[in-house]
Amino acid sequence: MKNLILASTSTLHNQDYLAYLLDDLKELFTNVKTITFIPFARPSGITHDAYTAIATKAFAAIDKQVIGLHTFKNPAEALQNSEAIFTGGGNTFLLVQQLYELQLMPVLKQKLENGTPYLGTSAGSNIAGISMKTTNDMPIVYPPSFKTLGMVNFNINAHYLDPDPNSTHKGETRETRIKEFHSFNTTPVVGLREGSFIRVKDSKTTLKGSLKARIFLHNKEPFESTNLQF
């Protein structure tokens, strides 16, 4: 029953917010009038109202209305009654903490398992995996659990970056960090590059966009693939 788009990012270089996804979002939200926006990942620099206004402007292009979940006195009830959901990017630690604190994680999980259309970008995509342990974000808050929605049977590393062969930087690469994760965990990890996204429809999971994903499996060398069946 799942019906999801999980994107690495909301905005590509020199494009408007969600512009590169609009054709696919028309299909995802075909029978939807109003999308409930979860703005809780954004820690500073923008209010929940302002963040919701950005999403509202983007979805107006495909004739959809947006309402921020933060505007409801009972967000769990509002989420339960929503006809579609969008979780924006920001800090995954903050997002997960807020979802647990407001008792939204089990509600969101049930909604998505029952087929409610869902868009996640960046942090909103990270939470669709088994855990949030492969986020790039700093732990600015401490969520009660790293366990997330489990809508796919792998973790997502959004904004995946390949090593720059011309860089003089000698610190850890993204690939190194994910290999460190696999020193203690066996969950597959999908390195999702900018402009790529994952389409989940019922039991089928498909990589879309022009770029392959970087796949990390426990005790195996990483490889490039468009196949997300593990």
Protein backbone atom coordinates (compact mmCIF):
# COMPACT_ATOMS: atom_id res chain seq x y z
CA MET A 1 0.00 0.00 0.00
CA LYS A 2 3.01 2.35 0.24
CA ASN A 3 3.04 5.41 -2.02
CA LEU A 4 6.20 7.44 -1.43
CA ILE A 5 8.78 9.71 -3.03
CA LEU A 6 12.03 9.99 -1.07
CA ALA A 7 14.28 12.67 -2.53
CA SER A 8 17.88 13.50 -1.69
CA THR A 9 17.15 17.22 -1.75
CA SER A 10 14.34 19.70 -2.22
CA THR A 11 16.26 22.12 -4.42
CA LEU A 12 18.73 21.71 -7.25
CA HIS A 13 21.25 24.37 -8.26
CA ASN A 14 19.62 27.26 -10.14
CA GLN A 15 16.14 25.79 -9.69
CA ASP A 16 13.16 26.68 -7.54
CA TYR A 17 12.09 24.67 -4.52
CA LEU A 18 10.83 21.19 -5.60
CA ALA A 19 10.89 22.24 -9.28
CA TYR A 20 12.67 19.13 -10.52
CA LEU A 21 10.11 16.87 -8.82
CA LEU A 22 6.87 18.56 -9.89
CA ASP A 23 5.94 16.15 -12.69
CA ASP A 24 6.35 13.19 -10.34
CA LEU A 25 4.53 15.00 -7.56
CA LYS A 26 1.54 15.50 -9.84
CA GLU A 27 1.32 11.72 -10.12
CA LEU A 28 2.00 11.09 -6.42
CA PHE A 29 -0.69 13.53 -5.29
CA THR A 30 -3.18 12.95 -8.13
CA ASN A 31 -6.23 12.48 -5.90
CA VAL A 32 -5.16 14.91 -3.20
CA LYS A 33 -6.33 18.46 -2.51
CA THR A 34 -4.43 19.30 0.69
CA ILE A 35 -0.93 18.24 1.78
CA THR A 36 0.01 18.29 5.45
CA PHE A 37 3.52 19.70 5.82
CA ILE A 38 5.80 18.61 8.67
CA PRO A 39 8.27 21.51 9.21
CA PHE A 40 9.92 20.25 12.39
CA ALA A 41 13.37 19.51 10.92
CA ARG A 42 14.31 23.18 10.51
CA PRO A 43 16.19 24.30 13.67
CA SER A 44 16.95 27.96 13.02
CA GLY A 45 16.89 30.80 10.52
CA ILE A 46 13.30 30.21 9.50
CA THR A 47 10.04 29.84 11.39
CA HIS A 48 7.64 26.97 10.86
CA ASP A 49 5.23 29.44 9.24
CA ALA A 50 7.87 30.70 6.83
CA TYR A 51 9.00 27.18 5.98
CA THR A 52 5.39 26.18 5.29
CA ALA A 53 5.01 29.22 3.04
CA ILE A 54 7.90 27.98 0.88
CA ALA A 55 6.19 24.61 0.45
CA THR A 56 2.85 26.31 -0.20
CA LYS A 57 4.30 28.37 -3.04
CA ALA A 58 5.88 25.29 -4.66
CA PHE A 59 2.73 23.18 -4.54
CA ALA A 60 0.59 25.99 -5.90
CA ALA A 61 2.25 25.23 -9.25
CA ILE A 62 0.37 21.91 -9.33
CA ASP A 63 -2.78 23.29 -7.72
CA LYS A 64 -2.31 21.74 -4.27
CA GLN A 65 -2.93 23.38 -0.91
CA VAL A 66 -0.52 23.01 2.00
CA ILE A 67 -1.17 23.28 5.73
CA GLY A 68 1.52 23.14 8.39
CA LEU A 69 1.17 20.45 11.02
CA HIS A 70 2.43 22.91 13.63
CA THR A 71 -0.79 24.94 13.31
CA PHE A 72 -2.94 22.22 14.91
CA LYS A 73 -3.60 21.98 18.64
CA ASN A 74 -3.58 18.19 18.32
CA PRO A 75 -0.94 17.35 15.68
CA ALA A 76 -1.34 13.58 16.11
CA GLU A 77 -5.04 13.80 15.31
CA ALA A 78 -4.38 16.16 12.40
CA LEU A 79 -1.75 13.81 10.98
CA GLN A 80 -4.13 10.87 11.35
CA ASN A 81 -6.74 12.77 9.31
CA SER A 82 -4.35 14.03 6.63
CA GLU A 83 -4.85 12.98 3.01
CA ALA A 84 -1.19 13.47 2.06
CA ILE A 85 2.06 14.30 3.87
CA PHE A 86 5.29 16.13 3.08
CA THR A 87 8.25 16.20 5.48
CA GLY A 88 10.87 18.79 4.59
CA GLY A 89 14.59 18.81 5.18
CA GLY A 90 16.69 20.24 7.96
CA ASN A 91 18.28 18.43 10.89
CA THR A 92 17.33 14.76 11.20
CA PHE A 93 18.11 14.61 14.93
CA LEU A 94 15.68 17.46 15.60
CA LEU A 95 13.03 16.00 13.30
CA VAL A 96 13.16 12.57 14.96
CA GLN A 97 13.15 14.10 18.44
CA GLN A 98 10.06 16.14 17.61
CA LEU A 99 8.23 13.21 16.03
CA TYR A 100 8.79 11.14 19.17
CA GLU A 101 8.06 13.98 21.58
CA LEU A 102 4.74 14.76 19.88
CA GLN A 103 3.93 11.03 19.60
CA LEU A 104 3.78 11.29 15.82
CA MET A 105 6.18 8.52 14.79
CA PRO A 106 3.69 5.61 15.17
CA VAL A 107 0.90 7.67 13.55
CA LEU A 108 3.10 8.55 10.59
CA LYS A 109 4.27 4.96 10.20
CA GLN A 110 0.71 3.65 10.14
CA LYS A 111 -0.41 6.31 7.67
CA LEU A 112 2.36 5.47 5.22
CA GLU A 113 1.84 1.73 5.55
CA ASN A 114 -1.82 2.31 4.69
CA GLY A 115 -0.97 4.11 1.46
CA THR A 116 -1.16 7.81 2.32
CA PRO A 117 0.91 9.65 -0.33
CA TYR A 118 4.18 10.88 1.16
CA LEU A 119 7.01 13.11 0.00
CA GLY A 120 10.23 13.31 1.97
CA THR A 121 13.22 15.47 1.13
CA SER A 122 16.60 15.19 2.86
CA ALA A 123 15.78 14.66 6.57
CA GLY A 124 12.24 13.77 5.51
CA SER A 125 13.72 10.97 3.41
CA ASN A 126 16.20 9.86 6.06
CA ILE A 127 13.35 8.98 8.41
CA ALA A 128 11.91 6.53 5.88
CA GLY A 129 14.80 4.14 6.47
CA ILE A 130 15.40 1.58 9.21
CA SER A 131 17.22 4.13 11.34
CA MET A 132 18.58 7.66 11.18
CA LYS A 133 22.14 6.47 11.89
CA THR A 134 23.46 7.40 8.43
CA THR A 135 22.36 11.04 8.46
CA ASN A 136 25.01 13.69 7.81
CA ASP A 137 23.57 16.01 10.47
CA MET A 138 25.08 17.06 13.78
CA PRO A 139 23.37 15.71 16.94
CA ILE A 140 22.07 19.09 18.10
CA VAL A 141 19.40 17.34 20.20
CA TYR A 142 19.09 13.81 21.58
CA PRO A 143 16.08 11.85 20.29
CA PRO A 144 14.80 8.99 22.47
CA SER A 145 15.56 6.51 19.69
CA PHE A 146 17.42 6.38 16.38
CA LYS A 147 14.79 3.99 15.02
CA THR A 148 12.71 5.51 12.24
CA LEU A 149 9.83 4.50 9.98
CA GLY A 150 11.22 1.45 8.15
CA MET A 151 9.33 2.19 4.94
CA VAL A 152 12.28 0.76 3.02
CA ASN A 153 14.57 -2.06 4.13
CA PHE A 154 17.70 0.09 4.04
CA ASN A 155 19.05 3.38 5.34
CA ILE A 156 19.35 6.49 3.21
CA ASN A 157 22.32 8.81 3.08
CA ALA A 158 20.85 11.93 1.48
CA HIS A 159 23.10 14.46 -0.32
CA TYR A 160 25.63 11.72 -0.98
CA LEU A 161 28.94 13.19 -2.17
CA ASP A 162 31.70 11.40 -4.04
CA PRO A 163 35.30 12.12 -3.04
CA ASP A 164 36.85 15.00 -5.00
CA PRO A 165 40.07 13.66 -6.58
CA ASN A 166 41.43 17.24 -6.79
CA SER A 167 40.80 18.07 -3.15
CA THR A 168 43.62 18.37 -0.62
CA HIS A 169 41.24 17.46 2.20
CA LYS A 170 42.56 14.46 4.13
CA GLY A 171 39.63 13.92 6.47
CA GLU A 172 37.00 11.23 6.25
CA THR A 173 34.90 10.93 3.10
CA ARG A 174 31.21 10.11 3.07
CA GLU A 175 32.14 6.59 1.95
CA THR A 176 34.47 6.22 4.93
CA ARG A 177 31.73 7.28 7.34
CA ILE A 178 29.27 4.76 5.94
CA LYS A 179 31.87 2.01 6.16
CA GLU A 180 32.30 2.97 9.81
CA PHE A 181 28.55 2.51 10.25
CA HIS A 182 28.93 -1.02 8.86
CA SER A 183 31.56 -1.83 11.48
CA PHE A 184 28.68 -2.05 13.95
CA ASN A 185 25.52 -2.40 11.80
CA THR A 186 24.39 -4.64 8.94
CA THR A 187 21.64 -2.46 7.43
CA PRO A 188 22.21 -1.66 3.72
CA VAL A 189 22.79 2.01 2.94
CA VAL A 190 21.81 3.85 -0.24
CA GLY A 191 23.96 6.88 -1.03
CA LEU A 192 21.41 9.13 -2.73
CA ARG A 193 22.95 11.82 -4.93
CA GLU A 194 21.44 15.24 -5.61
CA GLY A 195 18.69 15.04 -8.23
CA SER A 196 18.02 11.37 -7.58
CA PHE A 197 15.04 10.07 -5.66
CA ILE A 198 13.39 6.84 -4.63
CA ARG A 199 9.88 5.93 -5.72
CA VAL A 200 8.10 3.41 -3.51
CA LYS A 201 4.84 2.09 -4.93
CA ASP A 202 3.25 -0.83 -3.09
CA SER A 203 6.05 -3.43 -2.84
CA LYS A 204 8.18 -1.94 -5.64
CA THR A 205 11.11 0.35 -4.87
CA THR A 206 12.69 2.20 -7.81
CA LEU A 207 15.56 4.65 -8.17
CA LYS A 208 14.66 7.62 -10.36
CA GLY A 209 16.67 10.51 -11.72
CA SER A 210 19.74 10.63 -13.96
CA LEU A 211 22.31 9.36 -11.45
CA LYS A 212 22.99 5.93 -10.02
CA ALA A 213 23.07 5.39 -6.28
CA ARG A 214 26.13 4.36 -4.30
CA ILE A 215 25.23 1.09 -2.57
CA PHE A 216 26.84 -0.03 0.68
CA LEU A 217 26.29 -3.57 1.92
CA HIS A 218 27.78 -5.07 5.06
CA ASN A 219 31.15 -6.79 4.46
CA LYS A 220 31.12 -5.90 0.75
CA GLU A 221 32.79 -3.21 -1.31
CA PRO A 222 30.45 -0.33 -2.28
CA PHE A 223 29.19 -0.24 -5.86
CA GLU A 224 27.11 1.81 -8.28
CA SER A 225 23.59 0.60 -9.08
CA THR A 226 20.03 1.54 -9.98
CA ASN A 227 18.76 -1.64 -8.31
CA LEU A 228 17.44 -1.10 -4.79
CA GLN A 229 16.33 -4.67 -4.14
CA PHE A 230 18.43 -6.06 -1.27
